[in-house]
C-alpha atoms as a PDB file:
ATOM      1  CA  MET A   1     151.423  78.605  81.895  1.00  0.00           C
ATOM      2  CA  ALA A   2     148.261  77.267  83.492  1.00  0.00           C
ATOM      3  CA  ARG A   3     147.865  73.535  83.797  1.00  0.00           C
ATOM      4  CA  PHE A   4     145.042  71.335  85.026  1.00  0.00           C
ATOM      5  CA  HIS A   5     144.637  70.482  88.696  1.00  0.00           C
ATOM      6  CA  SER A   6     142.194  68.242  90.537  1.00  0.00           C
ATOM      7  CA  LEU A   7     139.331  69.905  92.389  1.00  0.00           C
ATOM      8  CA  ASP A   8     137.154  68.006  94.854  1.00  0.00           C
ATOM      9  CA  VAL A   9     133.396  68.429  94.452  1.00  0.00           C
ATOM     10  CA  ILE A  10     132.081  69.400  97.884  1.00  0.00           C
ATOM     11  CA  ASP A  11     128.463  70.151  97.026  1.00  0.00           C
ATOM     12  CA  VAL A  12     126.074  70.186  94.058  1.00  0.00           C
ATOM     13  CA  ARG A  13     122.974  72.295  94.630  1.00  0.00           C
ATOM     14  CA  ARG A  14     119.997  72.518  92.301  1.00  0.00           C
ATOM     15  CA  GLU A  15     119.515  76.223  91.505  1.00  0.00           C
ATOM     16  CA  THR A  16     116.808  76.034  88.831  1.00  0.00           C
ATOM     17  CA  ARG A  17     115.337  73.203  86.800  1.00  0.00           C
ATOM     18  CA  ASP A  18     118.207  73.522  84.315  1.00  0.00           C
ATOM     19  CA  ALA A  19     121.097  74.772  86.458  1.00  0.00           C
ATOM     20  CA  VAL A  20     123.267  73.626  89.351  1.00  0.00           C
ATOM     21  CA  VAL A  21     125.758  75.399  91.595  1.00  0.00           C
ATOM     22  CA  VAL A  22     128.885  73.346  92.207  1.00  0.00           C
ATOM     23  CA  THR A  23     131.120  73.995  95.220  1.00  0.00           C
ATOM     24  CA  LEU A  24     134.734  72.964  94.693  1.00  0.00           C
ATOM     25  CA  LYS A  25     137.840  72.677  96.825  1.00  0.00           C
ATOM     26  CA  PRO A  26     141.422  72.629  95.526  1.00  0.00           C
ATOM     27  CA  ARG A  27     144.047  70.391  97.051  1.00  0.00           C
ATOM     28  CA  ALA A  28     146.159  72.056  99.751  1.00  0.00           C
ATOM     29  CA  GLU A  29     149.150  72.422  97.438  1.00  0.00           C
ATOM     30  CA  ASP A  30     146.978  74.139  94.787  1.00  0.00           C
ATOM     31  CA  ALA A  31     145.094  76.547  97.065  1.00  0.00           C
ATOM     32  CA  GLU A  32     147.185  79.562  96.093  1.00  0.00           C
ATOM     33  CA  ALA A  33     146.763  78.861  92.372  1.00  0.00           C
ATOM     34  CA  PHE A  34     142.974  79.008  92.772  1.00  0.00           C
ATOM     35  CA  ASP A  35     142.886  82.329  94.612  1.00  0.00           C
ATOM     36  CA  PHE A  36     140.547  83.986  92.118  1.00  0.00           C
ATOM     37  CA  THR A  37     139.597  87.553  91.280  1.00  0.00           C
ATOM     38  CA  GLN A  38     135.895  88.395  91.096  1.00  0.00           C
ATOM     39  CA  GLY A  39     134.566  87.899  87.560  1.00  0.00           C
ATOM     40  CA  GLN A  40     137.033  85.173  86.558  1.00  0.00           C
ATOM     41  CA  TYR A  41     136.210  81.723  85.188  1.00  0.00           C
ATOM     42  CA  LEU A  42     137.463  78.139  85.436  1.00  0.00           C
ATOM     43  CA  THR A  43     138.185  75.904  82.449  1.00  0.00           C
ATOM     44  CA  PHE A  44     137.271  72.253  83.032  1.00  0.00           C
ATOM     45  CA  ARG A  45     138.123  69.200  80.986  1.00  0.00           C
ATOM     46  CA  ARG A  46     136.570  65.748  80.884  1.00  0.00           C
ATOM     47  CA  ASP A  47     136.687  62.755  78.571  1.00  0.00           C
ATOM     48  CA  PHE A  48     133.423  61.838  76.823  1.00  0.00           C
ATOM     49  CA  GLU A  49     133.575  58.591  74.868  1.00  0.00           C
ATOM     50  CA  GLY A  50     137.247  59.032  74.090  1.00  0.00           C
ATOM     51  CA  GLU A  51     137.018  62.728  73.233  1.00  0.00           C
ATOM     52  CA  GLU A  52     138.352  65.420  75.545  1.00  0.00           C
ATOM     53  CA  LEU A  53     135.924  68.302  76.037  1.00  0.00           C
ATOM     54  CA  ARG A  54     136.861  71.602  77.643  1.00  0.00           C
ATOM     55  CA  ARG A  55     134.285  74.027  78.965  1.00  0.00           C
ATOM     56  CA  SER A  56     134.574  77.319  80.855  1.00  0.00           C
ATOM     57  CA  TYR A  57     132.247  78.369  83.667  1.00  0.00           C
ATOM     58  CA  SER A  58     132.338  81.596  85.642  1.00  0.00           C
ATOM     59  CA  ILE A  59     132.965  81.664  89.375  1.00  0.00           C
ATOM     60  CA  CYS A  60     129.859  82.881  91.220  1.00  0.00           C
ATOM     61  CA  ALA A  61     131.340  83.081  94.732  1.00  0.00           C
ATOM     62  CA  GLY A  62     132.506  86.316  96.265  1.00  0.00           C
ATOM     63  CA  LYS A  63     136.117  86.756  97.297  1.00  0.00           C
ATOM     64  CA  ASP A  64     135.186  86.738 100.982  1.00  0.00           C
ATOM     65  CA  GLU A  65     133.088  83.564 100.959  1.00  0.00           C
ATOM     66  CA  GLY A  66     136.104  81.339 101.467  1.00  0.00           C
ATOM     67  CA  CYS A  67     135.052  78.834  98.816  1.00  0.00           C
ATOM     68  CA  LEU A  68     135.015  78.209  95.081  1.00  0.00           C
ATOM     69  CA  LYS A  69     131.661  77.937  93.280  1.00  0.00           C
ATOM     70  CA  VAL A  70     130.558  77.808  89.652  1.00  0.00           C
ATOM     71  CA  GLY A  71     127.095  77.859  88.139  1.00  0.00           C
ATOM     72  CA  ILE A  72     126.464  75.382  85.317  1.00  0.00           C
ATOM     73  CA  LYS A  73     123.327  75.795  83.226  1.00  0.00           C
ATOM     74  CA  ARG A  74     122.268  72.940  80.997  1.00  0.00           C
ATOM     75  CA  VAL A  75     122.705  73.710  77.301  1.00  0.00           C
ATOM     76  CA  PRO A  76     120.514  71.713  74.859  1.00  0.00           C
ATOM     77  CA  GLY A  77     122.793  69.047  73.390  1.00  0.00           C
ATOM     78  CA  GLY A  78     125.679  70.094  75.643  1.00  0.00           C
ATOM     79  CA  ALA A  79     127.566  67.009  76.816  1.00  0.00           C
ATOM     80  CA  PHE A  80     129.413  68.639  79.714  1.00  0.00           C
ATOM     81  CA  SER A  81     126.539  70.764  81.047  1.00  0.00           C
ATOM     82  CA  THR A  82     124.075  67.863  80.800  1.00  0.00           C
ATOM     83  CA  TRP A  83     126.462  65.536  82.620  1.00  0.00           C
ATOM     84  CA  ALA A  84     127.085  68.116  85.334  1.00  0.00           C
ATOM     85  CA  ASN A  85     123.353  68.666  85.852  1.00  0.00           C
ATOM     86  CA  GLU A  86     122.435  64.970  85.850  1.00  0.00           C
ATOM     87  CA  ASN A  87     125.423  63.069  87.193  1.00  0.00           C
ATOM     88  CA  LEU A  88     127.898  65.264  89.065  1.00  0.00           C
ATOM     89  CA  ALA A  89     127.811  64.587  92.813  1.00  0.00           C
ATOM     90  CA  PRO A  90     129.726  65.394  95.999  1.00  0.00           C
ATOM     91  CA  GLY A  91     132.841  63.260  96.266  1.00  0.00           C
ATOM     92  CA  ASP A  92     133.575  63.481  92.544  1.00  0.00           C
ATOM     93  CA  THR A  93     136.676  65.139  91.148  1.00  0.00           C
ATOM     94  CA  LEU A  94     136.941  67.674  88.343  1.00  0.00           C
ATOM     95  CA  GLU A  95     140.045  68.753  86.474  1.00  0.00           C
ATOM     96  CA  ALA A  96     140.355  72.510  86.047  1.00  0.00           C
ATOM     97  CA  MET A  97     142.829  75.202  85.086  1.00  0.00           C
ATOM     98  CA  PRO A  98     143.456  77.974  87.638  1.00  0.00           C
ATOM     99  CA  PRO A  99     141.131  80.998  87.363  1.00  0.00           C
ATOM    100  CA  MET A 100     141.495  83.181  84.291  1.00  0.00           C
ATOM    101  CA  GLY A 101     139.790  86.218  82.779  1.00  0.00           C
ATOM    102  CA  ARG A 102     139.883  90.005  82.995  1.00  0.00           C
ATOM    103  CA  PHE A 103     136.185  90.749  83.560  1.00  0.00           C
ATOM    104  CA  HIS A 104     136.823  92.997  86.556  1.00  0.00           C
ATOM    105  CA  VAL A 105     138.259  96.320  87.679  1.00  0.00           C
ATOM    106  CA  PRO A 106     140.591  97.070  90.617  1.00  0.00           C
ATOM    107  CA  LEU A 107     138.745  97.785  93.865  1.00  0.00           C
ATOM    108  CA  ASP A 108     139.511 100.554  96.346  1.00  0.00           C
ATOM    109  CA  SER A 109     138.066 100.503  99.864  1.00  0.00           C
ATOM    110  CA  ALA A 110     137.941 104.310  99.880  1.00  0.00           C
ATOM    111  CA  ALA A 111     136.179 104.635  96.514  1.00  0.00           C
ATOM    112  CA  GLU A 112     132.607 105.849  96.121  1.00  0.00           C
ATOM    113  CA  ARG A 113     131.449 104.510  92.763  1.00  0.00           C
ATOM    114  CA  HIS A 114     128.302 103.497  90.921  1.00  0.00           C
ATOM    115  CA  TYR A 115     128.583 100.211  89.042  1.00  0.00           C
ATOM    116  CA  LEU A 116     126.022  99.072  86.489  1.00  0.00           C
ATOM    117  CA  GLY A 117     125.594  95.431  85.518  1.00  0.00           C
ATOM    118  CA  PHE A 118     123.586  93.759  82.747  1.00  0.00           C
ATOM    119  CA  ALA A 119     123.156  89.968  82.816  1.00  0.00           C
ATOM    120  CA  GLY A 120     121.251  87.618  80.546  1.00  0.00           C
ATOM    121  CA  GLY A 121     120.397  84.138  81.870  1.00  0.00           C
ATOM    122  CA  SER A 122     123.480  82.344  83.181  1.00  0.00           C
ATOM    123  CA  GLY A 123     125.464  85.505  82.488  1.00  0.00           C
ATOM    124  CA  ILE A 124     124.622  86.351  86.102  1.00  0.00           C
ATOM    125  CA  THR A 125     127.361  84.034  87.415  1.00  0.00           C
ATOM    126  CA  PRO A 126     130.407  86.335  87.046  1.00  0.00           C
ATOM    127  CA  LEU A 127     128.301  89.378  87.913  1.00  0.00           C
ATOM    128  CA  LEU A 128     127.192  87.752  91.159  1.00  0.00           C
ATOM    129  CA  SER A 129     130.842  87.344  92.143  1.00  0.00           C
ATOM    130  CA  ILE A 130     131.539  90.950  91.164  1.00  0.00           C
ATOM    131  CA  ILE A 131     128.531  92.307  93.073  1.00  0.00           C
ATOM    132  CA  LYS A 132     129.271  90.410  96.292  1.00  0.00           C
ATOM    133  CA  THR A 133     132.961  91.280  96.269  1.00  0.00           C
ATOM    134  CA  THR A 134     132.524  94.925  95.273  1.00  0.00           C
ATOM    135  CA  LEU A 135     129.844  95.744  97.843  1.00  0.00           C
ATOM    136  CA  ALA A 136     131.841  94.036 100.594  1.00  0.00           C
ATOM    137  CA  ARG A 137     135.166  95.680  99.753  1.00  0.00           C
ATOM    138  CA  GLU A 138     133.968  99.121  98.628  1.00  0.00           C
ATOM    139  CA  PRO A 139     131.558 100.096 101.430  1.00  0.00           C
ATOM    140  CA  LYS A 140     130.783 103.491  99.870  1.00  0.00           C
ATOM    141  CA  SER A 141     129.995 102.120  96.391  1.00  0.00           C
ATOM    142  CA  ARG A 142     126.651 101.005  95.001  1.00  0.00           C
ATOM    143  CA  PHE A 143     125.550  98.590  92.279  1.00  0.00           C
ATOM    144  CA  THR A 144     122.594  98.511  89.893  1.00  0.00           C
ATOM    145  CA  LEU A 145     121.863  95.167  88.222  1.00  0.00           C
ATOM    146  CA  VAL A 146     119.562  94.695  85.217  1.00  0.00           C
ATOM    147  CA  TYR A 147     118.883  90.973  84.899  1.00  0.00           C
ATOM    148  CA  ALA A 148     117.098  89.538  81.835  1.00  0.00           C
ATOM    149  CA  ASN A 149     115.429  86.122  81.867  1.00  0.00           C
ATOM    150  CA  ARG A 150     112.606  84.326  80.106  1.00  0.00           C
ATOM    151  CA  GLN A 151     110.456  83.857  83.208  1.00  0.00           C
ATOM    152  CA  ILE A 152     110.618  83.939  87.002  1.00  0.00           C
ATOM    153  CA  SER A 153     111.309  80.208  87.318  1.00  0.00           C
ATOM    154  CA  SER A 154     114.447  80.523  85.166  1.00  0.00           C
ATOM    155  CA  ILE A 155     116.064  83.248  87.294  1.00  0.00           C
ATOM    156  CA  MET A 156     119.310  81.910  88.740  1.00  0.00           C
ATOM    157  CA  PHE A 157     120.267  83.073  92.262  1.00  0.00           C
ATOM    158  CA  ARG A 158     116.919  84.831  92.753  1.00  0.00           C
ATOM    159  CA  GLU A 159     116.838  84.242  96.516  1.00  0.00           C
ATOM    160  CA  GLU A 160     120.514  85.096  96.922  1.00  0.00           C
ATOM    161  CA  LEU A 161     120.015  88.386  95.097  1.00  0.00           C
ATOM    162  CA  GLU A 162     117.087  89.214  97.393  1.00  0.00           C
ATOM    163  CA  ASP A 163     119.256  88.453 100.416  1.00  0.00           C
ATOM    164  CA  LEU A 164     121.976  90.720  99.053  1.00  0.00           C
ATOM    165  CA  LYS A 165     119.433  93.520  98.537  1.00  0.00           C
ATOM    166  CA  ASN A 166     118.413  93.208 102.184  1.00  0.00           C
ATOM    167  CA  LEU A 167     122.037  93.109 103.321  1.00  0.00           C
ATOM    168  CA  TYR A 168     123.076  96.128 101.261  1.00  0.00           C
ATOM    169  CA  LEU A 169     120.063  98.412 101.655  1.00  0.00           C
ATOM    170  CA  ASN A 170     120.229 101.457  99.374  1.00  0.00           C
ATOM    171  CA  ARG A 171     123.445 100.121  97.783  1.00  0.00           C
ATOM    172  CA  LEU A 172     122.114  97.313  95.584  1.00  0.00           C
ATOM    173  CA  SER A 173     119.232  97.711  93.137  1.00  0.00           C
ATOM    174  CA  VAL A 174     118.019  94.789  91.004  1.00  0.00           C
ATOM    175  CA  LEU A 175     115.746  95.268  87.984  1.00  0.00           C
ATOM    176  CA  HIS A 176     114.317  92.055  86.498  1.00  0.00           C
ATOM    177  CA  ILE A 177     113.425  92.010  82.785  1.00  0.00           C
ATOM    178  CA  LEU A 178     111.208  89.031  81.848  1.00  0.00           C
ATOM    179  CA  ASP A 179     110.625  88.089  78.230  1.00  0.00           C
ATOM    180  CA  ALA A 180     107.734  85.646  78.627  1.00  0.00           C
ATOM    181  CA  GLU A 181     105.922  86.941  81.716  1.00  0.00           C
ATOM    182  CA  ALA A 182     104.078  90.234  82.030  1.00  0.00           C
ATOM    183  CA  GLN A 183     105.019  92.529  84.896  1.00  0.00           C
ATOM    184  CA  GLU A 184     103.289  95.492  86.491  1.00  0.00           C
ATOM    185  CA  ILE A 185     105.663  97.898  84.767  1.00  0.00           C
ATOM    186  CA  ASP A 186     105.639  97.406  80.980  1.00  0.00           C
ATOM    187  CA  LEU A 187     109.267  98.498  80.709  1.00  0.00           C
ATOM    188  CA  PHE A 188     110.302  95.352  82.576  1.00  0.00           C
ATOM    189  CA  THR A 189     108.541  92.992  80.140  1.00  0.00           C
ATOM    190  CA  GLY A 190     110.066  91.761  76.869  1.00  0.00           C
ATOM    191  CA  GLN A 191     113.574  91.631  75.495  1.00  0.00           C
ATOM    192  CA  ILE A 192     116.268  94.221  76.007  1.00  0.00           C
ATOM    193  CA  ASP A 193     116.401  96.380  72.885  1.00  0.00           C
ATOM    194  CA  ALA A 194     117.399  99.958  72.097  1.00  0.00           C
ATOM    195  CA  ASP A 195     113.997 101.357  73.117  1.00  0.00           C
ATOM    196  CA  LYS A 196     114.045  99.531  76.438  1.00  0.00           C
ATOM    197  CA  MET A 197     117.558 100.793  77.127  1.00  0.00           C
ATOM    198  CA  THR A 198     116.398 104.337  76.459  1.00  0.00           C
ATOM    199  CA  GLY A 199     113.497 103.790  78.856  1.00  0.00           C
ATOM    200  CA  LEU A 200     115.814 102.479  81.570  1.00  0.00           C
ATOM    201  CA  PHE A 201     118.102 105.493  81.278  1.00  0.00           C
ATOM    202  CA  THR A 202     115.151 107.887  81.183  1.00  0.00           C
ATOM    203  CA  HIS A 203     113.241 106.560  84.193  1.00  0.00           C
ATOM    204  CA  TRP A 204     115.480 104.302  86.313  1.00  0.00           C
ATOM    205  CA  ILE A 205     119.217 104.749  85.777  1.00  0.00           C
ATOM    206  CA  ASP A 206     121.281 107.933  85.732  1.00  0.00           C
ATOM    207  CA  ALA A 207     123.869 107.126  83.069  1.00  0.00           C
ATOM    208  CA  LYS A 208     126.018 110.102  84.074  1.00  0.00           C
ATOM    209  CA  SER A 209     126.526 108.604  87.545  1.00  0.00           C
ATOM    210  CA  VAL A 210     127.897 105.274  86.227  1.00  0.00           C
ATOM    211  CA  ASP A 211     131.629 104.717  86.636  1.00  0.00           C
ATOM    212  CA  THR A 212     131.862 101.200  85.154  1.00  0.00           C
ATOM    213  CA  ALA A 213     129.357  98.952  83.372  1.00  0.00           C
ATOM    214  CA  PHE A 214     129.617  95.153  83.216  1.00  0.00           C
ATOM    215  CA  ILE A 215     127.744  93.147  80.565  1.00  0.00           C
ATOM    216  CA  CYS A 216     127.508  89.350  80.362  1.00  0.00           C
ATOM    217  CA  GLY A 217     125.091  87.476  78.146  1.00  0.00           C
ATOM    218  CA  PRO A 218     124.313  86.495  74.549  1.00  0.00           C
ATOM    219  CA  GLU A 219     126.100  88.555  71.926  1.00  0.00           C
ATOM    220  CA  PRO A 220     123.090  90.341  70.355  1.00  0.00           C
ATOM    221  CA  MET A 221     121.993  91.573  73.767  1.00  0.00           C
ATOM    222  CA  MET A 222     125.514  92.682  74.653  1.00  0.00           C
ATOM    223  CA  LEU A 223     125.965  94.644  71.425  1.00  0.00           C
ATOM    224  CA  THR A 224     122.637  96.434  71.935  1.00  0.00           C
ATOM    225  CA  ILE A 225     123.491  97.334  75.518  1.00  0.00           C
ATOM    226  CA  ALA A 226     127.033  98.458  74.697  1.00  0.00           C
ATOM    227  CA  ALA A 227     125.771 100.712  71.887  1.00  0.00           C
ATOM    228  CA  SER A 228     123.221 102.308  74.206  1.00  0.00           C
ATOM    229  CA  LEU A 229     125.820 102.846  76.929  1.00  0.00           C
ATOM    230  CA  ARG A 230     128.030 104.665  74.426  1.00  0.00           C
ATOM    231  CA  ASP A 231     125.073 106.738  73.233  1.00  0.00           C
ATOM    232  CA  HIS A 232     124.484 107.786  76.836  1.00  0.00           C
ATOM    233  CA  GLY A 233     128.042 108.949  77.398  1.00  0.00           C
ATOM    234  CA  LEU A 234     130.060 105.960  78.573  1.00  0.00           C
ATOM    235  CA  THR A 235     133.431 105.322  76.952  1.00  0.00           C
ATOM    236  CA  ASP A 236     134.776 101.956  75.826  1.00  0.00           C
ATOM    237  CA  ALA A 237     137.146 102.036  78.815  1.00  0.00           C
ATOM    238  CA  GLN A 238     134.107 102.122  81.124  1.00  0.00           C
ATOM    239  CA  ILE A 239     132.416  99.114  79.505  1.00  0.00           C
ATOM    240  CA  LYS A 240     133.536  95.611  80.423  1.00  0.00           C
ATOM    241  CA  PHE A 241     131.923  92.579  78.843  1.00  0.00           C
ATOM    242  CA  GLU A 242     132.100  88.808  79.003  1.00  0.00           C
ATOM    243  CA  LEU A 243     130.596  86.722  76.207  1.00  0.00           C
ATOM    244  CA  PHE A 244     129.283  83.245  77.025  1.00  0.00           C
ATOM    245  CA  ALA A 245     127.795  82.404  73.605  1.00  0.00           C
ATOM    246  CA  SER A 246     129.165  83.223  70.190  1.00  0.00           C
ATOM    247  CA  SER A 247     127.481  83.501  66.832  1.00  0.00           C
ATOM    248  CA  GLN A 248     129.047  86.392  64.983  1.00  0.00           C
ATOM    249  CA  PRO A 249     132.445  88.087  64.951  1.00  0.00           C
ATOM    250  CA  GLY A 250     133.022  90.393  67.911  1.00  0.00           C
ATOM    251  CA  ARG A 251     135.459  93.166  68.689  1.00  0.00           C
ATOM    252  CA  THR A 252     138.016  93.916  65.964  1.00  0.00           C
ATOM    253  CA  ALA A 253     136.965  90.883  63.909  1.00  0.00           C
ATOM    254  CA  ARG A 254     138.047  90.802  60.288  1.00  0.00           C
ATOM    255  CA  LYS A 255     137.569  88.389  57.432  1.00  0.00           C
ATOM    256  CA  ILE A 256     140.794  86.725  56.437  1.00  0.00           C
ATOM    257  CA  GLU A 257     140.846  87.890  52.874  1.00  0.00           C
ATOM    258  CA  THR A 258     144.564  88.609  52.736  1.00  0.00           C
ATOM    259  CA  VAL A 259     145.410  84.963  53.306  1.00  0.00           C
ATOM    260  CA  LYS A 260     144.345  84.131  49.780  1.00  0.00           C
ATOM    261  CA  ALA A 261     146.681  86.754  48.416  1.00  0.00           C
ATOM    262  CA  ALA A 262     149.658  85.486  50.389  1.00  0.00           C
ATOM    263  CA  CYS A 263     152.474  83.577  48.788  1.00  0.00           C
ATOM    264  CA  GLU A 264     151.403  80.023  47.978  1.00  0.00           C
ATOM    265  CA  SER A 265     154.542  78.395  49.378  1.00  0.00           C
ATOM    266  CA  ALA A 266     154.480  74.919  50.904  1.00  0.00           C
ATOM    267  CA  GLY A 267     154.116  76.072  54.480  1.00  0.00           C
ATOM    268  CA  VAL A 268     154.992  78.451  57.267  1.00  0.00           C
ATOM    269  CA  GLN A 269     157.835  78.070  59.717  1.00  0.00           C
ATOM    270  CA  ALA A 270     156.328  78.516  63.173  1.00  0.00           C
ATOM    271  CA  THR A 271     158.369  78.955  66.329  1.00  0.00           C
ATOM    272  CA  VAL A 272     156.347  78.620  69.528  1.00  0.00           C
ATOM    273  CA  THR A 273     157.470  79.158  73.121  1.00  0.00           C
ATOM    274  CA  LEU A 274     155.490  77.489  75.894  1.00  0.00           C
ATOM    275  CA  ASP A 275     156.540  77.053  79.531  1.00  0.00           C
ATOM    276  CA  GLY A 276     160.051  78.225  78.701  1.00  0.00           C
ATOM    277  CA  ALA A 277     160.552  75.625  75.958  1.00  0.00           C
ATOM    278  CA  THR A 278     160.727  76.638  72.279  1.00  0.00           C
ATOM    279  CA  ARG A 279     159.878  74.436  69.321  1.00  0.00           C
ATOM    280  CA  THR A 280     160.007  75.114  65.592  1.00  0.00           C
ATOM    281  CA  PHE A 281     157.817  73.272  63.098  1.00  0.00           C
ATOM    282  CA  THR A 282     156.173  73.740  59.722  1.00  0.00           C
ATOM    283  CA  MET A 283     152.466  74.436  59.552  1.00  0.00           C
ATOM    284  CA  PRO A 284     150.085  74.851  56.584  1.00  0.00           C
ATOM    285  CA  ARG A 285     149.711  78.344  55.231  1.00  0.00           C
ATOM    286  CA  GLN A 286     145.914  77.998  55.149  1.00  0.00           C
ATOM    287  CA  GLY A 287     143.263  76.054  57.012  1.00  0.00           C
ATOM    288  CA  GLN A 288     145.017  75.592  60.367  1.00  0.00           C
ATOM    289  CA  SER A 289     145.182  78.017  63.288  1.00  0.00           C
ATOM    290  CA  LEU A 290     148.315  78.534  65.338  1.00  0.00           C
ATOM    291  CA  LEU A 291     146.672  76.688  68.219  1.00  0.00           C
ATOM    292  CA  GLU A 292     145.796  73.712  66.035  1.00  0.00           C
ATOM    293  CA  ALA A 293     149.331  73.647  64.652  1.00  0.00           C
ATOM    294  CA  ALA A 294     150.850  73.723  68.139  1.00  0.00           C
ATOM    295  CA  LEU A 295     148.587  70.891  69.298  1.00  0.00           C
ATOM    296  CA  ALA A 296     149.431  68.891  66.159  1.00  0.00           C
ATOM    297  CA  ALA A 297     153.113  69.368  67.048  1.00  0.00           C
ATOM    298  CA  HIS A 298     152.367  67.725  70.420  1.00  0.00           C
ATOM    299  CA  MET A 299     152.644  70.939  72.410  1.00  0.00           C
ATOM    300  CA  ASP A 300     150.302  71.223  75.400  1.00  0.00           C
ATOM    301  CA  ALA A 301     149.032  74.649  74.360  1.00  0.00           C
ATOM    302  CA  PRO A 302     146.236  76.048  76.552  1.00  0.00           C
ATOM    303  CA  TYR A 303     142.703  76.412  75.192  1.00  0.00           C
ATOM    304  CA  SER A 304     139.083  76.193  76.178  1.00  0.00           C
ATOM    305  CA  CYS A 305     136.378  77.386  73.784  1.00  0.00           C
ATOM    306  CA  LYS A 306     138.270  77.426  70.447  1.00  0.00           C
ATOM    307  CA  ALA A 307     135.779  80.073  69.322  1.00  0.00           C
ATOM    308  CA  GLY A 308     137.561  83.304  70.200  1.00  0.00           C
ATOM    309  CA  VAL A 309     135.280  83.860  73.193  1.00  0.00           C
ATOM    310  CA  CYS A 310     137.560  83.199  76.163  1.00  0.00           C
ATOM    311  CA  SER A 311     141.184  84.298  76.389  1.00  0.00           C
ATOM    312  CA  THR A 312     142.648  80.979  77.534  1.00  0.00           C
ATOM    313  CA  CYS A 313     144.732  80.582  74.345  1.00  0.00           C
ATOM    314  CA  ARG A 314     146.150  84.138  74.456  1.00  0.00           C
ATOM    315  CA  ALA A 315     149.666  84.438  73.051  1.00  0.00           C
ATOM    316  CA  LYS A 316     151.947  87.161  71.698  1.00  0.00           C
ATOM    317  CA  VAL A 317     153.275  87.361  68.153  1.00  0.00           C
ATOM    318  CA  LEU A 318     156.952  88.356  68.398  1.00  0.00           C
ATOM    319  CA  GLU A 319     157.848  88.091  64.710  1.00  0.00           C
ATOM    320  CA  GLY A 320     155.907  87.752  61.486  1.00  0.00           C
ATOM    321  CA  GLU A 321     152.446  88.742  60.388  1.00  0.00           C
ATOM    322  CA  THR A 322     149.190  87.061  61.419  1.00  0.00           C
ATOM    323  CA  GLU A 323     145.480  87.766  61.312  1.00  0.00           C
ATOM    324  CA  MET A 324     142.604  86.793  63.595  1.00  0.00           C
ATOM    325  CA  ALA A 325     139.301  85.549  62.190  1.00  0.00           C
ATOM    326  CA  VAL A 326     137.292  86.280  65.352  1.00  0.00           C
ATOM    327  CA  ASN A 327     138.051  88.176  68.547  1.00  0.00           C
ATOM    328  CA  HIS A 328     135.531  88.387  71.357  1.00  0.00           C
ATOM    329  CA  ALA A 329     138.037  88.459  74.211  1.00  0.00           C
ATOM    330  CA  LEU A 330     141.019  90.753  73.643  1.00  0.00           C
ATOM    331  CA  GLU A 331     140.877  94.493  74.136  1.00  0.00           C
ATOM    332  CA  ASP A 332     142.032  96.690  71.269  1.00  0.00           C
ATOM    333  CA  TYR A 333     145.156  97.756  73.148  1.00  0.00           C
ATOM    334  CA  GLU A 334     146.144  94.096  73.557  1.00  0.00           C
ATOM    335  CA  VAL A 335     145.785  93.517  69.814  1.00  0.00           C
ATOM    336  CA  ARG A 336     147.929  96.586  69.123  1.00  0.00           C
ATOM    337  CA  ALA A 337     150.566  95.167  71.492  1.00  0.00           C
ATOM    338  CA  GLY A 338     150.751  91.977  69.420  1.00  0.00           C
ATOM    339  CA  TYR A 339     148.558  89.632  71.438  1.00  0.00           C
ATOM    340  CA  VAL A 340     146.316  87.157  69.632  1.00  0.00           C
ATOM    341  CA  LEU A 341     143.827  84.424  70.354  1.00  0.00           C
ATOM    342  CA  SER A 342     145.815  81.548  68.927  1.00  0.00           C
ATOM    343  CA  CYS A 343     142.656  79.527  68.192  1.00  0.00           C
ATOM    344  CA  GLN A 344     141.643  82.247  65.721  1.00  0.00           C
ATOM    345  CA  CYS A 345     145.112  83.263  64.515  1.00  0.00           C
ATOM    346  CA  TYR A 346     146.399  82.420  61.028  1.00  0.00           C
ATOM    347  CA  PRO A 347     149.820  83.199  59.519  1.00  0.00           C
ATOM    348  CA  LEU A 348     150.296  85.632  56.659  1.00  0.00           C
ATOM    349  CA  SER A 349     154.089  85.576  56.474  1.00  0.00           C
ATOM    350  CA  ASP A 350     156.580  82.789  55.735  1.00  0.00           C
ATOM    351  CA  ARG A 351     157.712  82.745  59.373  1.00  0.00           C
ATOM    352  CA  VAL A 352     155.985  83.504  62.653  1.00  0.00           C
ATOM    353  CA  VAL A 353     157.363  83.524  66.195  1.00  0.00           C
ATOM    354  CA  VAL A 354     154.792  83.226  68.983  1.00  0.00           C
ATOM    355  CA  SER A 355     155.078  83.021  72.765  1.00  0.00           C
ATOM    356  CA  TYR A 356     152.478  81.834  75.249  1.00  0.00           C
ATOM    357  CA  ASP A 357     154.784  83.001  78.049  1.00  0.00           C
ATOM    358  CA  ALA A 358     154.944  86.692  77.075  1.00  0.00           C
END
C-alpha cells in the first residue's frame, strides 16, 4: 500500500498568472517508487492550521524527461493551491504518495495510431505527459489535442505545446477553443457543446480514424464530449477520462436508497485488511463510509479527494454487500469484480470484509 515520501522541490516556475509548474525530486531510496506512467497523478499532504489536507495533481512531465513535474492551478478558496502558488519555493519539501492512476493505455513502438485528446483548463497536465510520452515512444502515431480555455492568457503550457508541434511536424495537431475571446474561425470560439463537437468531427477530426480518446476537465464538458464520441462511433473501451472537479454523480452512480430499508441493527461488523494486517471493528450502519470507519479505527487507510474522483482509496469487497454513492474513477468491470471507492462505500449487510491489498 502506498505511503507518503518526502520529495525535494527543485524548481517552481510561474506558468500563468494563476498556475505554477513544480519540479520535484525523490530521495535516492524512493526513486523507483516514483517511476511514473504517463497520465498518473501524485497525492500530496500538508498541515494547515492543525488540519491535514490532501490534494492530487497530475504529472505533466513526459517519461523521457528524467524529472518529476506537476502543474498546480490556483483554485479560489483553495488552501493548498493558493499556498503552492504564493509560498512554495525551491529547497522546500513536499510529502507525496507514489504515482497512481490509470489514465493511460499501453504503448507499442511499432504501433501506428491516432490519439485524440480533450482538455479543459488545468486538465491539460496529464494530457501533456501523455502527448510527450506517446509521440516519443510511438514514432508512427499521431495526436490531435482540443484544448478549451477562457482566454489566451489562461492557456497553460502554450509555448511548450507550440514547441512540441514544431518537434513533431504532421504528428501533433492542437486546436484551441476560447470561451471569452473571438477567433478567426467561429467554431473555435465559445464553450464545447454538442453542436461544436459535431462541427469538429465534420470539418477537423475524422472520428473513424481515432483509436483512443482521452478527456480531462470539468464534468459537464467531459460528459458532453464522451456522448459525442459515442455518437460518432467510439466505444466506451476507447474513451479514457480523468475528472479533476466533481459536482454530480459520475459513472455507475446510484442513490443509496436501499440503506434505509436495511435492518436497523446497532452496527455492522467490518473486517479490513491493509498492508497485510487485518482488523475487525464495528461501524455505524448509516452515515459513515468504509474509509471513515477505517480511519476512525486508527487504520492508515489511503485517500486523497474523498469525493469519488480519484482512485486512491480503492479497495475490494470480499464478503458482504455494499453500495457506492458516487463513482467517478472506477471502470464498470472493476465494480463488477468487487472493487469500490471506500470513501463512497456504505455497508448494506450485517458484516463486510474489505481488503486494500487485493
